Protein backbone atom coordinates (compact mmCIF):
# COMPACT_ATOMS: atom_id res chain seq x y z
CA MET A 1 0.00 0.00 0.00
CA SER A 2 1.23 3.48 -0.78
CA ASN A 3 2.13 5.80 2.05
CA THR A 4 -0.26 8.39 0.65
CA SER A 5 -4.02 8.36 0.28
CA ILE A 6 -6.94 10.55 -0.68
CA ILE A 7 -8.21 10.44 2.90
CA GLN A 8 -4.82 11.48 4.24
CA SER A 9 -4.86 14.52 1.95
CA VAL A 10 -8.44 15.42 2.91
CA LEU A 11 -7.60 15.34 6.60
CA ASP A 12 -4.12 16.95 6.32
CA ILE A 13 -2.49 14.64 8.82
CA ALA A 14 0.57 16.88 9.20
CA ALA A 15 -1.64 19.76 10.30
CA ILE A 16 -3.59 17.50 12.65
CA ARG A 17 -0.38 16.32 14.30
CA GLN A 18 0.54 19.94 15.03
CA GLN A 19 -2.66 20.23 17.07
CA PHE A 20 -1.47 17.60 19.59
CA PRO A 21 1.31 19.08 21.78
CA VAL A 22 2.52 15.74 23.18
CA LEU A 23 3.49 14.54 19.70
CA LYS A 24 6.28 17.13 19.67
CA ARG A 25 8.13 15.50 22.55
CA GLU A 26 10.87 12.91 22.50
CA VAL A 27 11.06 9.72 24.55
CA LYS A 28 14.56 8.48 25.37
CA GLY A 29 15.99 10.70 22.67
CA LYS A 30 13.61 9.49 19.97
CA PRO A 31 10.49 11.13 18.50
CA LEU A 32 7.41 9.83 20.27
CA VAL A 33 5.41 7.24 18.33
CA TYR A 34 2.17 6.78 20.24
CA PHE A 35 0.34 3.53 19.45
CA ASP A 36 -1.58 3.11 22.72
CA ASN A 37 -4.73 4.91 21.64
CA ALA A 38 -7.08 2.10 22.67
CA ALA A 39 -6.00 2.76 26.27
CA THR A 40 -6.33 6.54 25.98
CA ALA A 41 -6.08 9.01 23.14
CA GLN A 42 -3.91 12.10 23.23
CA LYS A 43 -5.56 15.51 23.54
CA PRO A 44 -5.65 18.29 20.94
CA GLN A 45 -4.79 21.83 21.98
CA VAL A 46 -8.45 22.91 21.77
CA VAL A 47 -9.33 20.46 24.56
CA ILE A 48 -6.40 21.55 26.71
CA ASP A 49 -7.36 25.20 26.12
CA ALA A 50 -10.98 24.53 27.11
CA LEU A 51 -9.81 22.94 30.37
CA VAL A 52 -7.48 25.83 31.20
CA TYR A 53 -10.11 28.41 30.22
CA TYR A 54 -12.61 26.92 32.65
CA TYR A 55 -10.23 27.11 35.58
CA SER A 56 -9.00 30.56 34.55
CA ASN A 57 -12.37 32.22 33.97
CA TYR A 58 -15.45 30.59 35.50
CA ASN A 59 -14.46 27.88 37.95
CA ALA A 60 -17.50 27.32 40.16
CA ASN A 61 -19.78 24.58 41.38
CA ILE A 62 -22.80 23.95 39.20
CA HIS A 63 -26.61 23.85 39.34
CA ARG A 64 -27.07 25.29 42.82
CA GLY A 65 -25.39 28.69 42.59
CA ILE A 66 -27.10 31.87 41.37
CA HIS A 67 -23.96 33.96 40.85
CA THR A 68 -22.50 34.57 37.40
CA LEU A 69 -19.65 32.06 37.55
CA ALA A 70 -21.96 29.28 38.74
CA GLU A 71 -24.43 30.01 35.97
CA GLU A 72 -21.69 30.07 33.32
CA ALA A 73 -20.19 26.80 34.58
CA THR A 74 -23.62 25.17 34.68
CA ALA A 75 -24.40 26.25 31.13
CA LYS A 76 -21.10 24.83 29.84
CA PHE A 77 -21.56 21.58 31.76
CA GLU A 78 -25.05 21.11 30.36
CA ALA A 79 -23.78 21.98 26.88
CA THR A 80 -21.62 18.85 27.05
CA ARG A 81 -24.70 16.78 27.84
CA ASP A 82 -26.34 18.24 24.74
CA ALA A 83 -23.23 17.50 22.69
CA PHE A 84 -23.24 13.87 23.84
CA GLN A 85 -26.95 13.59 23.06
CA GLN A 86 -26.19 14.63 19.48
CA PHE A 87 -23.04 12.46 19.33
CA ILE A 88 -24.97 9.26 20.04
CA ASN A 89 -28.36 10.47 18.74
CA ALA A 90 -30.22 9.98 22.00
CA GLY A 91 -33.87 10.93 21.77
CA ASN A 92 -33.86 12.99 24.96
CA ARG A 93 -31.12 14.87 26.83
CA ASP A 94 -32.45 13.41 30.10
CA GLU A 95 -31.27 10.00 28.84
CA VAL A 96 -27.61 11.13 29.03
CA ILE A 97 -26.12 10.59 32.49
CA ILE A 98 -22.68 12.10 33.11
CA THR A 99 -20.42 9.56 34.84
CA LYS A 100 -16.70 9.22 35.37
CA GLY A 101 -16.38 6.68 32.56
CA THR A 102 -17.56 3.44 31.01
CA THR A 103 -16.69 1.41 34.10
CA GLU A 104 -18.90 3.48 36.39
CA SER A 105 -21.68 3.44 33.78
CA ILE A 106 -21.71 -0.38 33.63
CA ASN A 107 -21.60 -0.62 37.41
CA LEU A 108 -24.50 1.82 37.64
CA VAL A 109 -26.68 -0.46 35.51
CA ALA A 110 -25.58 -3.58 37.38
CA TYR A 111 -26.22 -2.08 40.82
CA THR A 112 -29.55 -0.45 39.94
CA TRP A 113 -31.42 -2.11 37.09
CA ALA A 114 -29.97 -5.59 37.63
CA ARG A 115 -30.23 -5.50 41.41
CA GLN A 116 -33.88 -4.50 41.07
CA ASN A 117 -34.82 -6.94 38.32
CA LEU A 118 -32.69 -10.07 38.75
CA HIS A 119 -33.95 -13.01 40.79
CA ALA A 120 -32.59 -16.44 41.62
CA GLY A 121 -32.25 -18.54 38.48
CA ASP A 122 -32.37 -15.59 36.08
CA GLU A 123 -29.59 -15.36 33.49
CA VAL A 124 -27.15 -12.65 32.40
CA ILE A 125 -25.18 -13.01 29.17
CA ILE A 126 -21.82 -11.43 28.38
CA SER A 127 -19.21 -12.41 25.79
CA GLY A 128 -15.84 -14.09 25.88
CA MET A 129 -14.04 -10.93 24.77
CA GLU A 130 -15.20 -8.56 27.50
CA HIS A 131 -13.03 -6.08 29.36
CA HIS A 132 -12.86 -6.83 33.07
CA SER A 133 -15.16 -3.84 33.69
CA ASN A 134 -17.91 -5.69 31.84
CA ILE A 135 -17.28 -8.98 33.64
CA VAL A 136 -16.72 -8.25 37.32
CA PRO A 137 -19.86 -6.15 38.01
CA TRP A 138 -22.04 -8.92 36.57
CA GLN A 139 -20.22 -11.58 38.57
CA ILE A 140 -20.85 -9.58 41.74
CA ILE A 141 -24.53 -8.96 41.09
CA CYS A 142 -25.16 -12.53 39.89
CA ALA A 143 -23.61 -13.90 43.06
CA GLU A 144 -25.72 -11.54 45.15
CA LYS A 145 -28.97 -12.39 43.37
CA GLN A 146 -28.19 -16.08 42.74
CA ALA A 147 -28.45 -15.47 39.01
CA VAL A 148 -26.49 -17.35 36.34
CA LEU A 149 -23.79 -15.69 34.23
CA LYS A 150 -23.42 -17.13 30.72
CA VAL A 151 -20.72 -16.39 28.18
CA ILE A 152 -20.95 -16.17 24.38
CA PRO A 153 -17.95 -18.12 22.99
CA ILE A 154 -15.62 -16.71 20.36
CA ASP A 155 -13.97 -18.49 17.45
CA ASP A 156 -10.33 -18.59 16.39
CA ASP A 157 -10.74 -15.38 14.36
CA GLY A 158 -11.92 -13.50 17.42
CA GLU A 159 -15.56 -13.30 16.36
CA LEU A 160 -18.60 -14.15 18.45
CA VAL A 161 -20.11 -17.56 17.67
CA MET A 162 -23.58 -16.20 17.00
CA GLU A 163 -25.16 -19.64 16.66
CA GLU A 164 -24.15 -20.34 20.26
CA PHE A 165 -25.42 -16.95 21.36
CA HIS A 166 -28.88 -17.71 20.04
CA LYS A 167 -28.80 -21.05 21.88
CA LEU A 168 -28.01 -19.24 25.15
CA LEU A 169 -31.05 -16.98 24.83
CA SER A 170 -34.18 -18.01 26.70
CA SER A 171 -37.03 -16.61 28.74
CA LYS A 172 -34.60 -16.69 31.69
CA THR A 173 -32.32 -14.15 30.01
CA LYS A 174 -32.84 -10.77 31.68
CA ILE A 175 -29.94 -8.67 30.41
CA ILE A 176 -27.09 -8.99 27.90
CA SER A 177 -24.04 -6.78 28.34
CA VAL A 178 -21.69 -6.90 25.39
CA VAL A 179 -18.75 -4.95 24.06
CA HIS A 180 -19.35 -3.16 20.77
CA VAL A 181 -15.67 -3.24 19.76
CA SER A 182 -13.10 -5.41 21.54
CA ASN A 183 -10.26 -3.47 23.14
CA ALA A 184 -7.96 -6.48 22.79
CA LEU A 185 -8.87 -7.69 19.28
CA GLY A 186 -10.48 -4.76 17.47
CA THR A 187 -13.43 -7.00 16.54
CA VAL A 188 -16.66 -5.13 15.75
CA ASN A 189 -19.52 -7.16 17.18
CA PRO A 190 -22.99 -7.44 15.58
CA VAL A 191 -24.70 -5.61 18.42
CA LYS A 192 -27.81 -4.75 16.44
CA GLU A 193 -28.47 -8.45 15.81
CA ILE A 194 -27.87 -9.15 19.50
CA ILE A 195 -30.27 -6.40 20.55
CA THR A 196 -33.03 -7.59 18.23
CA ALA A 197 -32.71 -11.17 19.45
CA ALA A 198 -32.59 -10.10 23.08
CA HIS A 199 -35.71 -8.00 22.84
CA ALA A 200 -37.53 -10.94 21.24
CA VAL A 201 -37.18 -12.83 24.54
CA GLY A 202 -37.84 -9.78 26.71
CA ALA A 203 -34.22 -9.13 27.70
CA LYS A 204 -32.47 -5.77 27.98
CA VAL A 205 -29.10 -4.95 26.37
CA MET A 206 -26.19 -2.93 27.69
CA VAL A 207 -23.60 -1.94 25.05
CA ASP A 208 -20.01 -1.17 26.11
CA GLY A 209 -19.07 1.51 23.59
CA ALA A 210 -15.72 2.49 25.09
CA GLN A 211 -13.86 1.48 21.91
CA SER A 212 -16.61 2.01 19.36
CA ALA A 213 -17.68 5.59 20.05
CA VAL A 214 -14.54 7.12 18.54
CA HIS A 215 -14.53 4.93 15.44
CA LEU A 216 -18.14 4.12 14.54
CA ASP A 217 -21.21 6.25 13.97
CA ILE A 218 -23.33 5.67 17.06
CA ASP A 219 -27.10 5.95 16.85
CA VAL A 220 -28.65 4.52 20.00
CA GLN A 221 -32.16 4.97 18.63
CA ASP A 222 -31.35 2.95 15.52
CA LEU A 223 -29.54 0.30 17.57
CA ASP A 224 -32.47 0.27 20.00
CA CYS A 225 -30.08 -0.60 22.83
CA ASP A 226 -31.40 -0.13 26.35
CA PHE A 227 -28.11 1.18 27.72
CA PHE A 228 -24.90 2.48 26.12
CA ALA A 229 -21.68 3.63 27.77
CA CYS A 230 -18.53 5.37 26.61
CA SER A 231 -15.58 7.37 27.97
CA ALA A 232 -14.33 10.82 26.96
CA HIS A 233 -10.63 10.00 27.26
CA LYS A 234 -10.84 7.64 24.28
CA LEU A 235 -12.56 10.43 22.31
CA TYR A 236 -9.57 12.81 22.46
CA GLY A 237 -11.13 14.25 25.61
CA PRO A 238 -10.10 14.43 29.27
CA THR A 239 -9.95 11.53 31.69
CA GLY A 240 -12.57 10.98 34.37
CA VAL A 241 -15.63 11.67 32.21
CA GLY A 242 -18.06 9.35 30.49
CA ILE A 243 -21.72 8.83 29.91
CA LEU A 244 -24.42 6.31 30.46
CA TYR A 245 -27.24 6.44 27.96
CA GLY A 246 -30.40 4.72 29.09
CA LYS A 247 -33.90 4.64 27.73
CA LYS A 248 -35.89 7.14 29.74
CA GLU A 249 -38.62 4.71 30.73
CA LEU A 250 -35.97 2.42 32.24
CA LEU A 251 -33.99 5.13 34.03
CA GLU A 252 -37.15 6.50 35.61
CA THR A 253 -38.03 3.17 37.21
CA MET A 254 -34.53 2.25 38.39
CA PRO A 255 -33.43 2.88 41.99
CA VAL A 256 -30.81 5.48 42.79
CA PHE A 257 -27.12 4.61 42.65
CA LEU A 258 -25.26 7.08 44.89
CA GLY A 259 -26.80 9.33 47.50
CA GLY A 260 -25.85 12.93 48.24
CA GLY A 261 -26.24 16.42 46.94
CA GLU A 262 -27.76 17.13 43.52
CA MET A 263 -29.62 13.82 43.23
CA ILE A 264 -32.37 14.91 45.64
CA LYS A 265 -35.54 16.98 45.58
CA GLU A 266 -36.19 17.22 49.31
CA VAL A 267 -34.32 15.75 52.26
CA SER A 268 -35.68 15.35 55.78
CA PHE A 269 -35.03 12.90 58.58
CA SER A 270 -38.43 11.40 57.94
CA GLY A 271 -37.66 10.65 54.29
CA THR A 272 -36.08 11.85 51.04
CA THR A 273 -37.39 12.35 47.53
CA TYR A 274 -35.11 12.14 44.53
CA ALA A 275 -34.42 14.46 41.64
CA ASP A 276 -35.73 13.97 38.14
CA LEU A 277 -33.53 12.66 35.34
CA PRO A 278 -30.69 13.06 34.60
CA TYR A 279 -29.69 14.44 38.01
CA LYS A 280 -31.08 11.43 39.85
CA TYR A 281 -27.84 9.64 38.97
CA GLU A 282 -25.39 12.54 39.37
CA ALA A 283 -24.75 12.75 43.09
CA GLY A 284 -22.19 15.20 44.43
CA THR A 285 -19.90 17.63 42.69
CA PRO A 286 -19.09 16.14 39.29
CA ASN A 287 -15.88 16.41 37.31
CA ILE A 288 -16.95 19.82 36.02
CA ALA A 289 -13.81 21.04 34.28
CA ASP A 290 -13.15 17.85 32.36
CA THR A 291 -16.81 17.53 31.43
CA VAL A 292 -16.81 21.08 30.06
CA ALA A 293 -13.65 20.36 28.03
CA THR A 294 -15.18 17.17 26.64
CA ALA A 295 -17.50 19.27 24.48
CA ALA A 296 -14.42 20.56 22.66
CA ALA A 297 -13.29 16.98 22.00
CA LEU A 298 -16.65 15.98 20.54
CA ALA A 299 -16.67 19.09 18.36
CA TYR A 300 -13.15 18.27 17.20
CA ILE A 301 -14.19 14.79 16.06
CA GLN A 302 -17.22 16.16 14.27
CA GLU A 303 -15.12 18.80 12.54
CA LEU A 304 -12.73 16.19 11.16
CA GLY A 305 -15.62 13.89 10.28
CA LYS A 306 -15.86 10.48 11.88
CA GLN A 307 -16.14 8.77 8.48
CA ASN A 308 -12.91 10.45 7.37
CA ILE A 309 -11.19 9.40 10.58
CA ARG A 310 -12.41 5.82 10.26
CA ALA A 311 -11.36 5.56 6.60
CA TYR A 312 -7.87 6.83 7.37
CA GLU A 313 -7.46 4.58 10.41
CA ASP A 314 -8.58 1.61 8.29
CA GLU A 315 -5.78 2.39 5.86
CA LEU A 316 -3.30 2.47 8.74
CA LEU A 317 -4.64 -0.85 9.99
CA HIS A 318 -4.36 -2.55 6.61
CA TYR A 319 -0.86 -1.19 6.07
CA ALA A 320 0.29 -2.30 9.52
CA THR A 321 -1.28 -5.73 9.13
CA GLU A 322 0.50 -6.32 5.84
CA LYS A 323 3.87 -5.24 7.26
CA LEU A 324 3.49 -7.20 10.51
CA LEU A 325 2.67 -10.46 8.76
CA ALA A 326 6.03 -10.25 6.97
CA ILE A 327 7.84 -10.66 10.32
CA ASP A 328 8.93 -14.25 10.88
CA GLY A 329 7.03 -15.98 13.67
CA LEU A 330 4.50 -13.19 14.17
CA LYS A 331 0.85 -14.16 14.64
CA ILE A 332 -2.03 -11.69 14.77
CA ILE A 333 -4.61 -12.45 17.47
CA GLY A 334 -7.97 -11.29 16.20
CA THR A 335 -8.56 -11.56 12.47
CA ALA A 336 -12.26 -10.72 12.34
CA LYS A 337 -13.70 -9.62 9.03
CA GLU A 338 -14.77 -6.33 10.58
CA LYS A 339 -12.27 -4.58 12.82
CA THR A 340 -11.36 -1.13 14.01
CA SER A 341 -7.87 0.28 14.03
CA LEU A 342 -5.89 -1.90 16.36
CA VAL A 343 -3.81 -5.00 15.89
CA SER A 344 -2.80 -7.45 18.63
CA PHE A 345 -0.07 -9.97 18.00
CA VAL A 346 2.40 -12.39 19.50
CA ILE A 347 5.85 -13.34 18.24
CA ASP A 348 7.16 -16.86 18.57
CA LYS A 349 9.75 -17.34 21.34
CA VAL A 350 9.50 -13.69 22.39
CA HIS A 351 7.67 -12.35 25.47
CA PRO A 352 5.40 -9.35 24.79
CA GLN A 353 6.70 -7.37 27.74
CA ASP A 354 10.31 -7.66 26.54
CA VAL A 355 9.26 -6.35 23.14
CA GLY A 356 7.39 -3.46 24.75
CA ILE A 357 10.46 -2.41 26.72
CA LEU A 358 12.72 -2.48 23.66
CA LEU A 359 10.16 -0.52 21.62
CA ASP A 360 9.93 2.09 24.38
CA ASN A 361 13.69 2.51 24.16
CA LYS A 362 13.03 3.70 20.60
CA GLY A 363 10.25 6.06 21.67
CA ILE A 364 7.47 3.73 20.48
CA ALA A 365 4.54 3.31 22.88
CA VAL A 366 2.53 0.11 22.53
CA ARG A 367 0.48 -1.80 25.09
CA THR A 368 1.57 -5.26 26.22
CA GLY A 369 -0.16 -7.76 28.49
CA HIS A 370 -3.70 -9.05 28.85
CA HIS A 371 -5.40 -5.66 28.22
CA CYS A 372 -7.84 -6.22 31.12
CA ALA A 373 -9.19 -9.21 29.22
CA GLN A 374 -7.63 -12.20 30.97
CA PRO A 375 -10.39 -14.69 30.03
CA LEU A 376 -9.83 -13.77 26.38
CA MET A 377 -6.11 -14.49 26.70
CA GLU A 378 -6.93 -17.83 28.31
CA ARG A 379 -9.17 -18.60 25.33
CA PHE A 380 -6.18 -18.18 23.00
CA LYS A 381 -3.80 -19.88 25.47
CA ILE A 382 -1.41 -16.93 25.58
CA PRO A 383 -0.14 -14.75 28.47
CA GLY A 384 -0.84 -11.57 26.56
CA THR A 385 -0.24 -9.73 23.32
CA ILE A 386 1.53 -6.72 21.91
CA ARG A 387 -1.14 -4.23 20.88
CA ALA A 388 -0.67 -1.31 18.50
CA SER A 389 -3.75 0.88 18.27
CA PHE A 390 -4.03 3.76 15.83
CA ALA A 391 -5.58 7.23 15.88
CA VAL A 392 -6.09 9.98 13.34
CA TYR A 393 -2.71 11.58 14.13
CA ASN A 394 -0.69 8.44 13.40
CA THR A 395 1.19 7.97 10.13
CA PHE A 396 2.42 5.27 7.80
CA GLU A 397 5.97 6.36 8.61
CA GLU A 398 5.34 5.65 12.29
CA ILE A 399 4.19 2.16 11.36
CA ASP A 400 7.44 1.71 9.46
CA ALA A 401 9.27 2.72 12.64
CA LEU A 402 7.25 0.14 14.58
CA ILE A 403 8.18 -2.58 12.11
CA ALA A 404 11.86 -1.65 12.28
CA GLY A 405 11.66 -1.65 16.07
CA LEU A 406 10.04 -5.07 16.12
CA GLN A 407 12.64 -6.51 13.77
CA HIS A 408 15.38 -5.15 16.02
CA ALA A 409 13.67 -6.55 19.13
CA VAL A 410 13.23 -10.00 17.59
CA LYS A 411 16.87 -10.08 16.55
CA LEU A 412 18.01 -9.21 20.07
CA LEU A 413 15.62 -11.45 21.98
CA ARG A 414 16.06 -14.53 19.85
């Protein structure tokens, strides 16, 4: 594949790279090559500026103050909720709950909806490629409610075995919580098919969109999912911010999650009444500054065009895949027909962590290990993988540097 493309020209990758300050730094005397975007994306200057501007000009607590700074901060905070509503095409802004990230969002559903609705003998379905944050909460709540946790198997390509999924479904199934895009494999799962099948047996569906929201067009109304979660820090935004989308009729009937300020209407020692949506689930002082700055990240993605970003990242993925497969003894883990822009691999007779250390010595940041998906690694009978994940600011030349670094590492370690 050529190192140039129409998409690359449309996006002006060189100009985009200039918008990310961290890409100007060196690591151990080498230019930084950042291929750990599935863990967290770097931040453009507009996001950093939005964060600094908040603290410099209208830092105040929100919703309860009547002074100018409080009103300005509240308006900006709520503007992010509106931006997220548009970003995922939620039907109502009250369906967008601000959380600290995907993990908290999944736990919120497990500890409210599931705790209220699960009974002994009921069944919860997850998949064999879930992040720990979409395994552990369901294990906890199933143990508490004496419910049964079932797992959709995956095949050798890293795809869900959908025939087995349909066999798992029954009238006992109450909720399915499934990752939209695997953080360890890049596999794009057929969530719409899962949702349709689940609703046919009366089950609800939670979609973990931590990896999908930045790459795929998300339309929760079209998907018809009951819950959807994602995190800002994978969307070129700050850490500590995420959302839970939930259908309004479900959120209204669910019990509260955390108690405190903001989530109440009236408090007395004889009893308390709770606030309306979305504030019912937003107890205490939220992460105001980072939430405000998240709006700049969402606007940045929309300005570039998610389809343009995806097309360019697909080119990077295909180029990297072709180059990696030329390395002797290298095996890609996760060869699904539909993937987003990451590639996980192992190299014969070489430990992933050793490779990661040698790549870091050349300024190349990759992720090594089990990627918070230990059951998935057990499925493939490996201790972990080397994962390179790509973003819009990465280049073909950086992939060439990765390949050279890998060849050097293999030569040394073997």
